[in-house]
Amino acid sequence: MKHLFLFFTCCVLLASAQKPALVTRVVDGDTYDLFYNSKRVRVRIAHIDAPELKQAFGKESALQVNQLLYRRIVIFDSLGKDLYGRVVGNLLLNGKRVDSLLVRFGLAWYKPAYGEDPILASCMLLAVNEGKGLWACGVEVVCPPWLYRTYNYENRLRYCRGCSINNQSTFKN
């Protein structure tokens, strides 16, 4: 009887942690507005960092993520809030981790400083080796967003120019 109670308690906790929500806006590659429980919730995906909109490949990343997520139902769980008041969490789309999809297709970086994750590390290695998305011109021209945000205008021009790639959609509807 005790084991049955623990099983049901775990099921209830898991069900309450996973919240279905509608993606109403893609702010950038790793931040979205979700409609959940009759209100808007801004969610930042944990463990990854997408290019800033003004950064090389930033708009392309946001556009492709928009194709993937806009007006779709996702499952999210909250890990807390960041300094800007956004919910930091994980998202699932059709049972697949959104963070690993974005990293795998070169739309975002996996940043181990945000937390160790061997799946994300493997996805990023595959994306780099295959030249996917932001890695299309090689690792030499890629400027991580956490560096981009710290650079002044001159250093952004010098170190974060990126490369010219054709904008082909990663995701097919």
C-alpha atoms as a PDB file:
ATOM      1  CA  MET A   1       0.000   0.000   0.000  1.00  0.00           C
ATOM      2  CA  LYS A   2       2.866   2.354   0.864  1.00  0.00           C
ATOM      3  CA  HIS A   3       4.466   1.793  -2.563  1.00  0.00           C
ATOM      4  CA  LEU A   4       1.171   2.463  -4.321  1.00  0.00           C
ATOM      5  CA  PHE A   5       0.852   5.788  -2.476  1.00  0.00           C
ATOM      6  CA  LEU A   6       4.409   6.786  -3.485  1.00  0.00           C
ATOM      7  CA  PHE A   7       3.698   5.834  -7.103  1.00  0.00           C
ATOM      8  CA  PHE A   8       0.560   8.006  -7.255  1.00  0.00           C
ATOM      9  CA  THR A   9       2.361  10.884  -5.506  1.00  0.00           C
ATOM     10  CA  CYS A  10       5.151  10.752  -8.105  1.00  0.00           C
ATOM     11  CA  CYS A  11       2.616  10.667 -10.952  1.00  0.00           C
ATOM     12  CA  VAL A  12       0.811  13.734  -9.580  1.00  0.00           C
ATOM     13  CA  LEU A  13       4.105  15.620  -9.158  1.00  0.00           C
ATOM     14  CA  LEU A  14       5.194  14.764 -12.692  1.00  0.00           C
ATOM     15  CA  ALA A  15       1.844  15.782 -14.126  1.00  0.00           C
ATOM     16  CA  SER A  16       1.915  19.105 -12.289  1.00  0.00           C
ATOM     17  CA  ALA A  17       5.503  19.831 -13.400  1.00  0.00           C
ATOM     18  CA  GLN A  18       4.636  19.429 -17.076  1.00  0.00           C
ATOM     19  CA  LYS A  19       2.488  22.309 -18.268  1.00  0.00           C
ATOM     20  CA  PRO A  20       0.975  22.449 -21.768  1.00  0.00           C
ATOM     21  CA  ALA A  21       1.100  25.929 -23.278  1.00  0.00           C
ATOM     22  CA  LEU A  22       0.652  27.672 -26.625  1.00  0.00           C
ATOM     23  CA  VAL A  23       3.653  29.502 -28.106  1.00  0.00           C
ATOM     24  CA  THR A  24       2.291  32.961 -28.956  1.00  0.00           C
ATOM     25  CA  ARG A  25       5.583  34.705 -29.800  1.00  0.00           C
ATOM     26  CA  VAL A  26       9.191  33.834 -30.511  1.00  0.00           C
ATOM     27  CA  VAL A  27      11.167  36.720 -28.997  1.00  0.00           C
ATOM     28  CA  ASP A  28      14.497  35.320 -30.178  1.00  0.00           C
ATOM     29  CA  GLY A  29      16.071  31.902 -30.600  1.00  0.00           C
ATOM     30  CA  ASP A  30      15.882  30.923 -26.939  1.00  0.00           C
ATOM     31  CA  THR A  31      13.102  33.093 -25.451  1.00  0.00           C
ATOM     32  CA  TYR A  32       9.373  32.696 -26.069  1.00  0.00           C
ATOM     33  CA  ASP A  33       6.031  33.984 -24.879  1.00  0.00           C
ATOM     34  CA  LEU A  34       3.695  31.166 -23.915  1.00  0.00           C
ATOM     35  CA  PHE A  35      -0.016  31.326 -23.170  1.00  0.00           C
ATOM     36  CA  TYR A  36      -0.496  29.231 -20.068  1.00  0.00           C
ATOM     37  CA  ASN A  37      -3.277  29.202 -17.502  1.00  0.00           C
ATOM     38  CA  SER A  38      -4.975  32.254 -19.100  1.00  0.00           C
ATOM     39  CA  LYS A  39      -1.859  34.431 -18.956  1.00  0.00           C
ATOM     40  CA  ARG A  40       1.341  35.211 -20.852  1.00  0.00           C
ATOM     41  CA  VAL A  41       4.526  33.658 -19.521  1.00  0.00           C
ATOM     42  CA  ARG A  42       7.953  34.560 -20.910  1.00  0.00           C
ATOM     43  CA  VAL A  43      10.167  31.472 -20.942  1.00  0.00           C
ATOM     44  CA  ARG A  44      13.910  31.277 -21.547  1.00  0.00           C
ATOM     45  CA  ILE A  45      15.179  27.795 -22.389  1.00  0.00           C
ATOM     46  CA  ALA A  46      17.738  26.480 -19.902  1.00  0.00           C
ATOM     47  CA  HIS A  47      21.241  25.275 -20.851  1.00  0.00           C
ATOM     48  CA  ILE A  48      21.430  26.941 -24.271  1.00  0.00           C
ATOM     49  CA  ASP A  49      22.143  30.376 -25.710  1.00  0.00           C
ATOM     50  CA  ALA A  50      20.945  31.528 -29.142  1.00  0.00           C
ATOM     51  CA  PRO A  51      22.486  34.398 -31.108  1.00  0.00           C
ATOM     52  CA  GLU A  52      21.238  37.872 -30.238  1.00  0.00           C
ATOM     53  CA  LEU A  53      18.909  39.346 -32.869  1.00  0.00           C
ATOM     54  CA  LYS A  54      21.493  41.982 -33.879  1.00  0.00           C
ATOM     55  CA  GLN A  55      24.244  39.366 -33.959  1.00  0.00           C
ATOM     56  CA  ALA A  56      25.261  37.403 -37.049  1.00  0.00           C
ATOM     57  CA  PHE A  57      22.711  34.595 -37.619  1.00  0.00           C
ATOM     58  CA  GLY A  58      20.452  36.020 -34.873  1.00  0.00           C
ATOM     59  CA  LYS A  59      17.514  36.863 -37.136  1.00  0.00           C
ATOM     60  CA  GLU A  60      17.884  33.597 -39.069  1.00  0.00           C
ATOM     61  CA  SER A  61      17.860  31.619 -35.833  1.00  0.00           C
ATOM     62  CA  ALA A  62      14.750  33.418 -34.582  1.00  0.00           C
ATOM     63  CA  LEU A  63      12.956  32.954 -37.925  1.00  0.00           C
ATOM     64  CA  GLN A  64      13.664  29.236 -38.034  1.00  0.00           C
ATOM     65  CA  VAL A  65      12.668  28.771 -34.400  1.00  0.00           C
ATOM     66  CA  ASN A  66       9.485  30.692 -35.217  1.00  0.00           C
ATOM     67  CA  GLN A  67       8.736  28.161 -37.992  1.00  0.00           C
ATOM     68  CA  LEU A  68       9.219  25.355 -35.513  1.00  0.00           C
ATOM     69  CA  LEU A  69       7.315  26.703 -32.510  1.00  0.00           C
ATOM     70  CA  TYR A  70       4.897  29.533 -33.327  1.00  0.00           C
ATOM     71  CA  ARG A  71       1.266  28.652 -32.567  1.00  0.00           C
ATOM     72  CA  ARG A  72       2.285  25.165 -31.447  1.00  0.00           C
ATOM     73  CA  ILE A  73       1.466  23.479 -28.163  1.00  0.00           C
ATOM     74  CA  VAL A  74       4.551  22.740 -26.081  1.00  0.00           C
ATOM     75  CA  ILE A  75       5.065  21.189 -22.685  1.00  0.00           C
ATOM     76  CA  PHE A  76       7.209  23.219 -20.322  1.00  0.00           C
ATOM     77  CA  ASP A  77       8.530  22.968 -16.828  1.00  0.00           C
ATOM     78  CA  SER A  78       9.962  25.770 -14.763  1.00  0.00           C
ATOM     79  CA  LEU A  79      13.380  25.642 -13.143  1.00  0.00           C
ATOM     80  CA  GLY A  80      13.034  29.111 -11.609  1.00  0.00           C
ATOM     81  CA  LYS A  81      13.441  32.707 -12.809  1.00  0.00           C
ATOM     82  CA  ASP A  82      16.396  34.605 -14.207  1.00  0.00           C
ATOM     83  CA  LEU A  83      17.611  38.133 -13.438  1.00  0.00           C
ATOM     84  CA  TYR A  84      15.120  39.578 -15.951  1.00  0.00           C
ATOM     85  CA  GLY A  85      12.073  37.875 -14.444  1.00  0.00           C
ATOM     86  CA  ARG A  86      11.741  35.302 -17.206  1.00  0.00           C
ATOM     87  CA  VAL A  87      10.865  31.726 -16.360  1.00  0.00           C
ATOM     88  CA  VAL A  88      13.857  29.494 -17.075  1.00  0.00           C
ATOM     89  CA  GLY A  89      12.809  26.033 -18.086  1.00  0.00           C
ATOM     90  CA  ASN A  90      12.698  23.142 -20.485  1.00  0.00           C
ATOM     91  CA  LEU A  91      10.309  22.716 -23.411  1.00  0.00           C
ATOM     92  CA  LEU A  92       9.072  19.644 -25.217  1.00  0.00           C
ATOM     93  CA  LEU A  93       7.519  19.683 -28.675  1.00  0.00           C
ATOM     94  CA  ASN A  94       5.836  16.430 -29.714  1.00  0.00           C
ATOM     95  CA  GLY A  95       7.823  14.669 -27.005  1.00  0.00           C
ATOM     96  CA  LYS A  96      11.186  16.023 -28.225  1.00  0.00           C
ATOM     97  CA  ARG A  97      13.429  18.371 -26.266  1.00  0.00           C
ATOM     98  CA  VAL A  98      13.415  21.799 -27.915  1.00  0.00           C
ATOM     99  CA  ASP A  99      16.890  22.639 -26.577  1.00  0.00           C
ATOM    100  CA  SER A 100      18.459  19.617 -28.272  1.00  0.00           C
ATOM    101  CA  LEU A 101      16.614  20.342 -31.549  1.00  0.00           C
ATOM    102  CA  LEU A 102      17.911  23.917 -31.607  1.00  0.00           C
ATOM    103  CA  VAL A 103      21.491  22.943 -30.799  1.00  0.00           C
ATOM    104  CA  ARG A 104      21.423  20.011 -33.247  1.00  0.00           C
ATOM    105  CA  PHE A 105      20.347  22.262 -36.137  1.00  0.00           C
ATOM    106  CA  GLY A 106      22.879  24.970 -35.300  1.00  0.00           C
ATOM    107  CA  LEU A 107      20.347  27.516 -34.080  1.00  0.00           C
ATOM    108  CA  ALA A 108      21.834  27.832 -30.581  1.00  0.00           C
ATOM    109  CA  TRP A 109      24.876  26.947 -28.492  1.00  0.00           C
ATOM    110  CA  TYR A 110      25.012  24.494 -25.667  1.00  0.00           C
ATOM    111  CA  LYS A 111      26.748  26.253 -22.793  1.00  0.00           C
ATOM    112  CA  PRO A 112      28.103  23.828 -20.161  1.00  0.00           C
ATOM    113  CA  ALA A 113      28.319  26.718 -17.668  1.00  0.00           C
ATOM    114  CA  TYR A 114      24.489  26.587 -17.605  1.00  0.00           C
ATOM    115  CA  GLY A 115      24.601  22.922 -16.565  1.00  0.00           C
ATOM    116  CA  GLU A 116      26.214  19.685 -17.743  1.00  0.00           C
ATOM    117  CA  ASP A 117      24.198  17.788 -20.341  1.00  0.00           C
ATOM    118  CA  PRO A 118      25.830  15.042 -22.461  1.00  0.00           C
ATOM    119  CA  ILE A 119      22.911  15.016 -24.926  1.00  0.00           C
ATOM    120  CA  LEU A 120      23.333  18.731 -25.681  1.00  0.00           C
ATOM    121  CA  ALA A 121      27.115  18.315 -25.906  1.00  0.00           C
ATOM    122  CA  SER A 122      26.642  15.547 -28.511  1.00  0.00           C
ATOM    123  CA  CYS A 123      24.089  17.596 -30.453  1.00  0.00           C
ATOM    124  CA  MET A 124      26.465  20.535 -30.645  1.00  0.00           C
ATOM    125  CA  LEU A 125      29.402  18.378 -31.746  1.00  0.00           C
ATOM    126  CA  LEU A 126      27.263  16.912 -34.546  1.00  0.00           C
ATOM    127  CA  ALA A 127      26.057  20.380 -35.638  1.00  0.00           C
ATOM    128  CA  VAL A 128      29.631  21.722 -35.713  1.00  0.00           C
ATOM    129  CA  ASN A 129      30.968  18.704 -37.623  1.00  0.00           C
ATOM    130  CA  GLU A 130      28.137  18.912 -40.180  1.00  0.00           C
ATOM    131  CA  GLY A 131      28.280  22.713 -40.557  1.00  0.00           C
ATOM    132  CA  LYS A 132      24.641  23.186 -39.558  1.00  0.00           C
ATOM    133  CA  GLY A 133      23.121  26.655 -39.121  1.00  0.00           C
ATOM    134  CA  LEU A 134      25.474  29.107 -37.436  1.00  0.00           C
ATOM    135  CA  TRP A 135      28.351  26.652 -37.965  1.00  0.00           C
ATOM    136  CA  ALA A 136      28.005  26.788 -41.791  1.00  0.00           C
ATOM    137  CA  CYS A 137      31.232  28.778 -42.239  1.00  0.00           C
ATOM    138  CA  GLY A 138      33.211  26.933 -39.572  1.00  0.00           C
ATOM    139  CA  VAL A 139      34.005  27.529 -35.925  1.00  0.00           C
ATOM    140  CA  GLU A 140      36.503  30.319 -36.659  1.00  0.00           C
ATOM    141  CA  VAL A 141      33.837  32.910 -37.520  1.00  0.00           C
ATOM    142  CA  VAL A 142      31.306  32.038 -34.818  1.00  0.00           C
ATOM    143  CA  CYS A 143      30.962  34.450 -31.886  1.00  0.00           C
ATOM    144  CA  PRO A 144      29.066  33.100 -28.869  1.00  0.00           C
ATOM    145  CA  PRO A 145      26.306  35.397 -27.582  1.00  0.00           C
ATOM    146  CA  TRP A 146      27.772  35.512 -24.069  1.00  0.00           C
ATOM    147  CA  LEU A 147      30.894  37.151 -25.596  1.00  0.00           C
ATOM    148  CA  TYR A 148      28.893  39.300 -28.026  1.00  0.00           C
ATOM    149  CA  ARG A 149      26.958  40.829 -25.122  1.00  0.00           C
ATOM    150  CA  THR A 150      30.200  41.889 -23.388  1.00  0.00           C
ATOM    151  CA  TYR A 151      31.873  43.452 -26.454  1.00  0.00           C
ATOM    152  CA  ASN A 152      31.638  47.110 -27.348  1.00  0.00           C
ATOM    153  CA  TYR A 153      30.615  48.150 -30.869  1.00  0.00           C
ATOM    154  CA  GLU A 154      34.174  48.058 -32.277  1.00  0.00           C
ATOM    155  CA  ASN A 155      34.918  44.592 -30.924  1.00  0.00           C
ATOM    156  CA  ARG A 156      31.579  43.297 -32.180  1.00  0.00           C
ATOM    157  CA  LEU A 157      32.547  44.461 -35.673  1.00  0.00           C
ATOM    158  CA  ARG A 158      35.991  42.961 -35.310  1.00  0.00           C
ATOM    159  CA  TYR A 159      35.202  39.584 -33.729  1.00  0.00           C
ATOM    160  CA  CYS A 160      31.526  38.905 -34.398  1.00  0.00           C
ATOM    161  CA  ARG A 161      30.949  39.484 -38.105  1.00  0.00           C
ATOM    162  CA  GLY A 162      29.886  35.936 -38.862  1.00  0.00           C
ATOM    163  CA  CYS A 163      29.618  34.845 -42.470  1.00  0.00           C
ATOM    164  CA  SER A 164      27.217  35.044 -45.361  1.00  0.00           C
ATOM    165  CA  ILE A 165      25.082  31.906 -45.711  1.00  0.00           C
ATOM    166  CA  ASN A 166      21.982  31.267 -47.723  1.00  0.00           C
ATOM    167  CA  ASN A 167      18.868  31.286 -45.562  1.00  0.00           C
ATOM    168  CA  GLN A 168      17.382  27.845 -46.154  1.00  0.00           C
ATOM    169  CA  SER A 169      14.784  26.651 -43.716  1.00  0.00           C
ATOM    170  CA  THR A 170      15.950  23.927 -41.355  1.00  0.00           C
ATOM    171  CA  PHE A 171      12.423  22.865 -40.469  1.00  0.00           C
ATOM    172  CA  LYS A 172       9.837  21.716 -42.967  1.00  0.00           C
ATOM    173  CA  ASN A 173       6.150  22.121 -42.171  1.00  0.00           C
END
